Amino acid sequence: MKIISAQEHQAVEWPAHITLANDADPRTLDLNGVTRIDLQFPKFTDGRAYSQAFLLRRRLGFAGELRATGDVLIDQLVQMQRTGFDVAVLREGVDASAAQRQFERFAGFYQGSAVETKPQFAKAA
């Protein structure tokens, strides 16, 4: 997962990039030609964007970039990656190097995810 600062993030609206409100249904989108979708976390306690990311990846087959924006904290990053996010825009004041260490803490998962669909036991040894 790529981690960027709020200053590096550019919220642009044009046919290839969409910003989706966290209460919108991604199944209503026309994804033809879309290369990036920004999903919003207005508060860290609001997890509806996780469901949107999962729907976009697994049910709708979206292969473009999913970007987490808004109130993104480092303790959410591993779950964001598992539900299909490619990029996380950290909120102001969050250290990117500390955020990257989150991925080193969890080397593997028993369950499948939106990205790696097979559970650990189903993988070849």
Protein backbone atom coordinates (compact mmCIF):
# COMPACT_ATOMS: atom_id res chain seq x y z
CA MET A 1 0.00 0.00 0.00
CA LYS A 2 1.29 3.42 -0.90
CA ILE A 3 1.11 6.02 1.88
CA ILE A 4 1.03 9.71 1.01
CA SER A 5 0.63 12.92 2.95
CA ALA A 6 -2.31 15.27 2.70
CA GLN A 7 -0.08 17.74 0.82
CA GLU A 8 0.73 15.14 -1.86
CA HIS A 9 -2.92 14.27 -2.45
CA GLN A 10 -4.75 16.08 -5.20
CA ALA A 11 -8.50 15.70 -5.20
CA VAL A 12 -9.37 16.06 -8.86
CA GLU A 13 -12.68 15.42 -10.53
CA TRP A 14 -12.59 14.37 -14.13
CA PRO A 15 -13.90 11.35 -15.97
CA ALA A 16 -11.00 9.07 -14.95
CA HIS A 17 -11.07 10.07 -11.23
CA ILE A 18 -14.14 9.96 -8.99
CA THR A 19 -14.61 11.08 -5.39
CA LEU A 20 -17.31 8.96 -3.80
CA ALA A 21 -19.13 10.08 -0.66
CA ASN A 22 -19.18 7.39 2.02
CA ASP A 23 -22.98 7.14 1.90
CA ALA A 24 -23.13 6.56 -1.87
CA ASP A 25 -23.76 3.14 -3.39
CA PRO A 26 -20.80 2.13 -5.61
CA ARG A 27 -23.06 -0.26 -7.53
CA THR A 28 -24.69 2.75 -9.18
CA LEU A 29 -21.44 3.99 -10.76
CA ASP A 30 -20.47 3.68 -14.39
CA LEU A 31 -16.86 2.50 -14.01
CA ASN A 32 -15.97 2.60 -17.71
CA GLY A 33 -12.75 4.58 -18.09
CA VAL A 34 -12.37 5.26 -14.35
CA THR A 35 -8.78 4.79 -13.13
CA ARG A 36 -9.04 6.15 -9.57
CA ILE A 37 -11.76 6.36 -6.94
CA ASP A 38 -11.26 8.40 -3.76
CA LEU A 39 -13.27 6.96 -0.86
CA GLN A 40 -13.85 9.17 2.15
CA PHE A 41 -13.48 8.55 5.87
CA PRO A 42 -15.11 11.67 7.39
CA LYS A 43 -14.33 10.32 10.91
CA PHE A 44 -12.11 7.42 11.87
CA THR A 45 -15.15 5.78 13.49
CA ASP A 46 -17.10 5.75 10.20
CA GLY A 47 -16.15 2.59 8.32
CA ARG A 48 -18.57 2.66 5.39
CA ALA A 49 -15.68 3.23 2.95
CA TYR A 50 -14.36 -0.24 3.85
CA SER A 51 -17.59 -1.75 2.52
CA GLN A 52 -17.43 0.43 -0.58
CA ALA A 53 -13.86 -0.71 -1.27
CA PHE A 54 -14.79 -4.36 -0.84
CA LEU A 55 -17.78 -3.99 -3.18
CA LEU A 56 -15.69 -2.23 -5.80
CA ARG A 57 -12.93 -4.87 -5.72
CA ARG A 58 -14.79 -8.14 -5.28
CA ARG A 59 -18.25 -7.64 -6.69
CA LEU A 60 -17.71 -4.96 -9.32
CA GLY A 61 -14.20 -6.02 -10.36
CA PHE A 62 -12.71 -2.53 -10.22
CA ALA A 63 -8.97 -2.83 -10.94
CA GLY A 64 -8.02 0.86 -10.72
CA GLU A 65 -6.66 2.77 -7.76
CA LEU A 66 -8.72 3.02 -4.57
CA ARG A 67 -7.56 5.89 -2.39
CA ALA A 68 -8.54 6.36 1.28
CA THR A 69 -8.99 10.03 2.16
CA GLY A 70 -10.17 11.99 5.17
CA ASP A 71 -9.59 11.01 8.79
CA VAL A 72 -7.08 8.21 8.04
CA LEU A 73 -5.10 6.94 11.03
CA ILE A 74 -2.19 4.51 11.01
CA ASP A 75 -4.02 1.81 12.95
CA GLN A 76 -6.53 1.54 10.09
CA LEU A 77 -4.00 0.94 7.31
CA VAL A 78 -3.76 -2.85 7.45
CA GLN A 79 -7.54 -3.23 7.29
CA MET A 80 -7.68 -0.72 4.45
CA GLN A 81 -5.20 -2.77 2.45
CA ARG A 82 -7.13 -5.98 3.15
CA THR A 83 -10.40 -4.46 1.91
CA GLY A 84 -8.83 -3.29 -1.36
CA PHE A 85 -7.30 0.16 -0.92
CA ASP A 86 -4.09 0.90 -2.87
CA VAL A 87 -3.26 4.34 -1.45
CA ALA A 88 -3.91 5.99 1.91
CA VAL A 89 -3.77 9.76 2.38
CA LEU A 90 -2.70 10.34 5.96
CA ARG A 91 -4.35 13.13 7.86
CA GLU A 92 -2.27 16.14 8.91
CA GLY A 93 0.37 15.45 11.54
CA VAL A 94 0.62 11.67 11.06
CA ASP A 95 4.16 10.36 10.48
CA ALA A 96 4.44 8.28 7.29
CA SER A 97 7.38 6.24 8.60
CA ALA A 98 5.35 5.18 11.65
CA ALA A 99 2.48 4.31 9.33
CA GLN A 100 4.67 2.03 7.20
CA ARG A 101 5.70 0.05 10.30
CA GLN A 102 2.09 -1.11 10.71
CA PHE A 103 2.56 -3.53 7.81
CA GLU A 104 5.64 -5.09 9.42
CA ARG A 105 3.64 -5.98 12.54
CA PHE A 106 1.29 -8.32 10.70
CA ALA A 107 3.16 -10.75 8.44
CA GLY A 108 0.17 -12.87 7.43
CA PHE A 109 -3.52 -13.54 7.95
CA TYR A 110 -5.46 -16.74 8.24
CA GLN A 111 -8.56 -15.36 6.48
CA GLY A 112 -8.85 -14.32 2.85
CA SER A 113 -9.33 -10.66 1.95
CA ALA A 114 -10.63 -8.55 -0.91
CA VAL A 115 -7.17 -8.68 -2.47
CA GLU A 116 -5.94 -12.17 -1.53
CA THR A 117 -9.14 -14.20 -1.70
CA LYS A 118 -7.81 -17.61 -0.67
CA PRO A 119 -7.50 -18.28 3.05
CA GLN A 120 -4.10 -19.34 4.37
CA PHE A 121 -5.05 -23.03 4.62
CA ALA A 122 -6.06 -23.15 0.93
CA LYS A 123 -2.72 -21.94 -0.39
CA ALA A 124 -0.18 -24.41 -1.71
CA ALA A 125 2.61 -25.22 0.73
